[in-house]
C-alpha cells in the first residue's frame, strides 16, 4: 500500500509509528466507566468507544458531558455475548429483523447476526445507537464495531454510510486486494473491499493501516506484554485495543475475561508503561484529530 494519506496530512513521516490507544466496551458494566475516568486523567489512553445498548451507557454519557474533551466513539453493538448480563436492540423488538435471539436479546455471536440479520434493520439499529449517543450529549469522534460484526461485507454499506453521514472516521483497514485476501476474503470480495478503500480515501476518510488487540486470555505480566506489543507496532496508523475495567463483583459476574480486563486497567494506569511509551518513538493520537482532519477537507 502507498503511505497513509491521513498521516501525511497530519504532518507525520512515512516511517512514523502512530498509534491510537483505544479503550473498548465502555458501558458494558460500571467497572468500565470508572476505569475510563481514571485512565483519561492518567493520560496514556487516547480514545475509547461506548456500547450504547448496555445498561451503564447513561453513566458513560454523564461522564462525557462532564468531560467534553474525552475522545469517545460509538462501539456499534449487534451482539450480546455474556450469560449473566444481556442487552438488545434500540430500534426494534421484531424477531423478523434477525437481530433478536430466542431469549429476546441480541444474538451471542457475530456469525448468528451475519447469517440472520436483515441489512436494512442493521442500518436502522446502528443509526439509532449513534443518534442516542449524540442526544445524550456525547461528541462522537468515530464509529467502530463490537466483535467485528458490522464490518462484515453484508453490513459494510450501512457501516460506511453511517460514518459518511455523521462525518466521523470509522475503524476500517486500508488493505489492498492482497491484504484482504490474507484476511480470508475471496477474490471478488477482496477486489470490492480494495475498491472501497480507494473510494473512501479519495473522499478524505482517514483509514487504518493496522489493528492490534491485547489478548483477553493472558492477564499475567500485562505491562511486559503491552511493551512487547507496542514495540512491534509497524510504521503507519495503528488502532491498538485494550479492554480496561476495575475489579468489581459486577465485572466478575458478567465477564469470564475479567482478569485480563482488570490487568489492562492496571497496566495502562502504571507509570512504568506510561514512561515507556513516552520514551519510545510512538506517536499517540486520538480519533478527534482524524475527525477534524476529515471535516476540514
Protein backbone atom coordinates (compact mmCIF):
# COMPACT_ATOMS: atom_id res chain seq x y z
CA UNK A 1 0.00 0.00 0.00
CA UNK A 2 1.00 3.59 -0.57
CA UNK A 3 1.70 5.61 2.60
CA UNK A 4 -1.35 6.61 4.59
CA UNK A 5 -2.56 9.99 3.21
CA UNK A 6 -4.21 10.92 6.51
CA UNK A 7 -0.91 10.73 8.36
CA UNK A 8 0.81 12.82 5.71
CA UNK A 9 -1.87 15.50 6.11
CA UNK A 10 -1.32 15.43 9.88
CA UNK A 11 2.38 16.09 9.35
CA UNK A 12 3.77 12.63 10.10
CA UNK A 13 6.55 10.97 8.10
CA UNK A 14 6.07 7.72 6.18
CA UNK A 15 8.04 5.74 8.72
CA UNK A 16 6.40 7.20 11.83
CA UNK A 17 4.65 4.77 14.15
CA UNK A 18 1.34 6.42 15.03
CA UNK A 19 -1.00 4.68 17.46
CA UNK A 20 -4.48 5.22 18.88
CA UNK A 21 -4.54 3.59 22.34
CA UNK A 22 -8.18 2.69 22.49
CA UNK A 23 -10.37 1.50 25.39
CA UNK A 24 -13.20 -0.75 24.18
CA UNK A 25 -16.52 -1.87 25.69
CA UNK A 26 -17.17 1.24 27.80
CA UNK A 27 -20.60 0.98 29.43
CA UNK A 28 -20.71 -2.81 29.39
CA UNK A 29 -20.70 -2.57 33.19
CA UNK A 30 -19.96 0.14 35.75
CA UNK A 31 -16.35 -1.01 36.15
CA UNK A 32 -15.54 0.07 32.59
CA UNK A 33 -16.82 3.61 33.10
CA UNK A 34 -14.99 4.29 36.35
CA UNK A 35 -11.82 2.77 34.86
CA UNK A 36 -12.05 5.06 31.84
CA UNK A 37 -12.40 8.08 34.12
CA UNK A 38 -9.13 7.15 35.81
CA UNK A 39 -7.35 6.43 32.54
CA UNK A 40 -8.40 9.70 30.93
CA UNK A 41 -6.86 11.55 33.88
CA UNK A 42 -3.73 9.41 33.71
CA UNK A 43 -3.15 10.33 30.07
CA UNK A 44 -1.98 7.16 28.34
CA UNK A 45 -5.26 6.02 26.75
CA UNK A 46 -6.10 8.37 23.85
CA UNK A 47 -9.54 7.19 22.76
CA UNK A 48 -12.45 4.96 23.75
CA UNK A 49 -15.80 3.69 22.49
CA UNK A 50 -19.09 3.08 24.28
CA UNK A 51 -21.69 0.34 23.90
CA UNK A 52 -24.92 2.35 23.69
CA UNK A 53 -27.43 -0.52 24.22
CA UNK A 54 -25.83 -1.56 27.52
CA UNK A 55 -27.21 -0.76 30.95
CA UNK A 56 -24.39 1.53 32.05
CA UNK A 57 -24.47 3.74 28.96
CA UNK A 58 -26.25 6.56 30.87
CA UNK A 59 -23.30 6.76 33.28
CA UNK A 60 -20.92 6.88 30.32
CA UNK A 61 -22.92 9.72 28.79
CA UNK A 62 -22.96 11.63 32.09
CA UNK A 63 -19.17 11.30 32.34
CA UNK A 64 -18.76 12.54 28.77
CA UNK A 65 -21.00 15.54 29.39
CA UNK A 66 -18.89 16.44 32.41
CA UNK A 67 -15.67 15.90 30.41
CA UNK A 68 -16.36 17.02 26.82
CA UNK A 69 -12.66 16.71 26.00
CA UNK A 70 -12.92 12.90 26.16
CA UNK A 71 -12.28 11.26 22.79
CA UNK A 72 -15.06 8.68 22.55
CA UNK A 73 -16.89 6.99 19.72
CA UNK A 74 -19.75 4.53 19.38
CA UNK A 75 -18.85 0.85 19.64
CA UNK A 76 -21.62 -0.35 17.32
CA UNK A 77 -23.15 -3.32 19.09
CA UNK A 78 -25.18 -6.12 17.49
CA UNK A 79 -24.23 -8.97 19.84
CA UNK A 80 -24.82 -9.81 23.50
CA UNK A 81 -22.30 -12.50 24.32
CA UNK A 82 -22.46 -12.96 28.10
CA UNK A 83 -24.81 -15.17 30.14
CA UNK A 84 -25.48 -13.08 33.25
CA UNK A 85 -25.90 -9.64 31.69
CA UNK A 86 -27.54 -9.13 28.31
CA UNK A 87 -28.88 -6.35 26.09
CA UNK A 88 -30.87 -5.92 22.90
CA UNK A 89 -31.59 -3.50 20.07
CA UNK A 90 -32.72 0.10 20.50
CA UNK A 91 -34.64 0.24 17.23
CA UNK A 92 -36.87 -2.84 17.27
CA UNK A 93 -38.30 -5.79 19.16
CA UNK A 94 -39.32 -7.59 15.97
CA UNK A 95 -37.73 -11.05 15.60
CA UNK A 96 -38.27 -10.79 11.84
CA UNK A 97 -35.34 -8.35 11.67
CA UNK A 98 -32.97 -11.20 12.50
CA UNK A 99 -31.38 -9.10 15.28
CA UNK A 100 -33.00 -10.88 18.22
CA UNK A 101 -32.43 -14.37 19.58
CA UNK A 102 -34.99 -16.69 21.16
CA UNK A 103 -34.45 -15.03 24.56
CA UNK A 104 -35.24 -11.55 23.25
CA UNK A 105 -31.69 -10.17 23.24
CA UNK A 106 -29.08 -9.66 20.56
CA UNK A 107 -27.52 -12.90 19.32
CA UNK A 108 -24.49 -14.12 21.24
CA UNK A 109 -22.22 -14.46 18.19
CA UNK A 110 -21.27 -12.35 15.19
CA UNK A 111 -21.86 -15.33 12.96
CA UNK A 112 -25.52 -15.57 14.02
CA UNK A 113 -26.11 -11.89 13.31
CA UNK A 114 -24.34 -12.08 9.98
CA UNK A 115 -26.40 -15.10 8.98
CA UNK A 116 -29.81 -13.89 10.16
CA UNK A 117 -29.64 -10.10 10.33
CA UNK A 118 -31.53 -8.02 7.77
CA UNK A 119 -29.17 -5.34 6.40
CA UNK A 120 -31.96 -2.74 6.45
CA UNK A 121 -32.60 -3.50 10.13
CA UNK A 122 -28.88 -3.25 10.90
CA UNK A 123 -28.79 0.15 9.19
CA UNK A 124 -31.64 1.41 11.39
CA UNK A 125 -30.07 -0.02 14.54
CA UNK A 126 -26.60 1.45 14.10
CA UNK A 127 -28.11 4.84 13.27
CA UNK A 128 -30.24 4.62 16.42
CA UNK A 129 -27.13 3.93 18.51
CA UNK A 130 -25.26 6.95 17.18
CA UNK A 131 -28.35 9.14 17.49
CA UNK A 132 -28.84 8.14 21.13
CA UNK A 133 -25.20 8.85 21.92
CA UNK A 134 -25.44 12.30 20.36
CA UNK A 135 -28.79 13.03 22.03
CA UNK A 136 -27.19 12.10 25.37
CA UNK A 137 -24.57 14.80 24.84
CA UNK A 138 -21.63 12.76 23.57
CA UNK A 139 -19.39 14.43 21.00
CA UNK A 140 -18.94 11.27 18.92
CA UNK A 141 -15.42 11.12 17.45
CA UNK A 142 -15.73 7.89 15.43
CA UNK A 143 -17.58 4.61 14.97
CA UNK A 144 -16.19 1.12 15.35
CA UNK A 145 -17.60 -2.37 15.71
CA UNK A 146 -18.08 -4.69 18.68
CA UNK A 147 -16.77 -8.17 17.86
CA UNK A 148 -16.28 -7.07 14.25
CA UNK A 149 -19.94 -7.71 13.44
CA UNK A 150 -20.76 -4.57 11.44
CA UNK A 151 -17.55 -4.95 9.45
CA UNK A 152 -18.98 -7.97 7.63
CA UNK A 153 -19.50 -7.39 3.88
CA UNK A 154 -23.26 -7.90 4.36
CA UNK A 155 -23.42 -4.81 6.56
CA UNK A 156 -20.47 -2.80 5.21
CA UNK A 157 -22.65 -0.38 3.29
CA UNK A 158 -24.58 0.60 6.43
CA UNK A 159 -21.32 0.98 8.36
CA UNK A 160 -19.69 3.20 5.74
CA UNK A 161 -22.79 5.32 5.12
CA UNK A 162 -23.20 5.90 8.85
CA UNK A 163 -19.66 7.27 9.09
CA UNK A 164 -20.07 9.43 6.00
CA UNK A 165 -23.43 10.76 7.15
CA UNK A 166 -22.06 11.86 10.51
CA UNK A 167 -18.68 12.88 9.10
CA UNK A 168 -16.71 10.75 11.52
CA UNK A 169 -13.93 8.20 10.89
CA UNK A 170 -14.68 4.51 11.08
CA UNK A 171 -12.46 1.67 12.22
CA UNK A 172 -11.51 0.14 8.88
CA UNK A 173 -8.25 -1.15 7.48
CA UNK A 174 -6.87 0.31 4.26
CA UNK A 175 -5.78 -3.02 2.75
CA UNK A 176 -5.15 -3.60 -0.92
CA UNK A 177 -6.52 -6.73 -2.61
CA UNK A 178 -3.68 -8.91 -1.38
CA UNK A 179 -4.22 -7.71 2.16
CA UNK A 180 -7.94 -8.52 2.08
CA UNK A 181 -7.17 -11.98 0.69
CA UNK A 182 -4.80 -12.59 3.60
CA UNK A 183 -7.73 -11.80 5.88
CA UNK A 184 -9.80 -14.54 4.23
CA UNK A 185 -11.75 -12.59 1.61
CA UNK A 186 -12.25 -14.39 -1.70
CA UNK A 187 -11.21 -12.80 -4.99
CA UNK A 188 -14.38 -10.85 -5.72
CA UNK A 189 -14.80 -9.63 -2.15
CA UNK A 190 -11.13 -8.63 -1.93
CA UNK A 191 -11.47 -6.62 -5.13
CA UNK A 192 -14.61 -4.92 -3.83
CA UNK A 193 -13.06 -4.12 -0.44
CA UNK A 194 -9.90 -2.68 -2.02
CA UNK A 195 -12.04 -0.54 -4.31
CA UNK A 196 -13.99 0.75 -1.33
CA UNK A 197 -10.74 1.70 0.41
CA UNK A 198 -9.64 3.72 -2.62
CA UNK A 199 -13.03 5.41 -2.85
CA UNK A 200 -13.14 6.35 0.83
CA UNK A 201 -9.61 7.73 0.87
CA UNK A 202 -10.41 9.78 -2.23
CA UNK A 203 -13.31 11.26 -0.26
CA UNK A 204 -11.00 12.15 2.62
CA UNK A 205 -11.92 9.35 5.02
CA UNK A 206 -8.99 8.50 7.34
CA UNK A 207 -8.39 4.75 7.47
CA UNK A 208 -6.14 2.46 9.49
CA UNK A 209 -3.01 0.61 8.46
CA UNK A 210 -3.02 -1.89 11.35
CA UNK A 211 -5.26 -3.28 14.07
CA UNK A 212 -3.79 -4.76 17.27
CA UNK A 213 -5.58 -6.07 20.34
CA UNK A 214 -4.13 -7.13 23.66
CA UNK A 215 -5.38 -10.71 24.13
CA UNK A 216 -8.13 -11.31 26.66
CA UNK A 217 -6.72 -14.62 27.88
CA UNK A 218 -3.29 -13.56 29.19
CA UNK A 219 -3.70 -11.44 32.33
CA UNK A 220 -0.25 -12.19 33.76
CA UNK A 221 2.63 -9.72 33.29
CA UNK A 222 0.39 -7.34 31.38
CA UNK A 223 2.83 -4.43 31.37
CA UNK A 224 5.54 -6.53 29.74
CA UNK A 225 3.06 -7.92 27.24
CA UNK A 226 1.90 -4.41 26.38
CA UNK A 227 5.50 -3.28 25.92
CA UNK A 228 6.18 -6.14 23.50
CA UNK A 229 3.00 -5.43 21.55
CA UNK A 230 3.76 -1.72 21.33
CA UNK A 231 7.36 -2.42 20.30
CA UNK A 232 6.03 -4.47 17.38
CA UNK A 233 3.71 -1.74 16.07
CA UNK A 234 4.88 -1.08 12.49
CA UNK A 235 5.03 2.27 10.69
CA UNK A 236 1.63 3.72 9.81
CA UNK A 237 -1.57 4.24 11.80
CA UNK A 238 -2.49 1.52 14.31
CA UNK A 239 -5.72 1.12 16.29
CA UNK A 240 -4.49 -0.52 19.50
CA UNK A 241 -7.31 -2.09 21.52
CA UNK A 242 -7.47 -2.68 25.26
CA UNK A 243 -10.44 -3.57 27.49
CA UNK A 244 -9.85 -1.84 30.83
CA UNK A 245 -12.09 -2.24 33.87
CA UNK A 246 -11.93 -2.03 37.64
CA UNK A 247 -12.07 -5.26 39.58
CA UNK A 248 -15.65 -5.36 40.90
CA UNK A 249 -18.14 -8.12 41.75
CA UNK A 250 -20.29 -6.99 38.84
CA UNK A 251 -17.44 -7.32 36.33
CA UNK A 252 -16.53 -10.77 37.65
CA UNK A 253 -20.19 -11.84 37.38
CA UNK A 254 -20.51 -10.53 33.81
CA UNK A 255 -17.27 -11.37 32.02
CA UNK A 256 -15.17 -14.53 32.09
CA UNK A 257 -12.35 -12.34 30.73
CA UNK A 258 -12.40 -10.09 33.81
CA UNK A 259 -8.78 -10.88 34.87
CA UNK A 260 -7.39 -9.53 31.60
CA UNK A 261 -9.70 -6.51 31.69
CA UNK A 262 -8.52 -5.63 35.18
CA UNK A 263 -4.92 -6.23 34.08
CA UNK A 264 -5.44 -3.79 31.18
CA UNK A 265 -6.61 -1.13 33.61
CA UNK A 266 -3.65 -1.74 35.90
CA UNK A 267 -1.13 -1.75 33.05
CA UNK A 268 -2.41 1.42 31.37
CA UNK A 269 -2.57 3.28 34.66
CA UNK A 270 1.00 2.32 35.54
CA UNK A 271 3.75 4.93 35.48
CA UNK A 272 6.13 2.28 34.17
CA UNK A 273 4.16 1.79 30.96
CA UNK A 274 3.37 5.49 30.55
CA UNK A 275 7.04 6.38 30.87
CA UNK A 276 7.95 3.59 28.46
CA UNK A 277 5.56 4.87 25.80
CA UNK A 278 6.64 8.46 26.23
CA UNK A 279 10.31 7.47 25.88
CA UNK A 280 9.60 5.48 22.71
CA UNK A 281 9.22 6.78 19.16
CA UNK A 282 5.48 6.07 19.19
CA UNK A 283 3.24 8.99 18.29
CA UNK A 284 -0.03 8.68 20.24
CA UNK A 285 -3.12 10.38 18.80
CA UNK A 286 -6.87 10.04 19.17
CA UNK A 287 -9.77 9.86 16.74
CA UNK A 288 -10.63 13.51 17.28
CA UNK A 289 -7.58 14.54 15.25
CA UNK A 290 -8.73 12.26 12.43
CA UNK A 291 -12.30 13.54 12.62
CA UNK A 292 -11.21 17.16 12.41
CA UNK A 293 -8.90 16.33 9.51
CA UNK A 294 -11.82 14.67 7.73
CA UNK A 295 -14.14 17.60 8.35
CA UNK A 296 -11.60 20.22 7.39
CA UNK A 297 -11.27 18.56 3.98
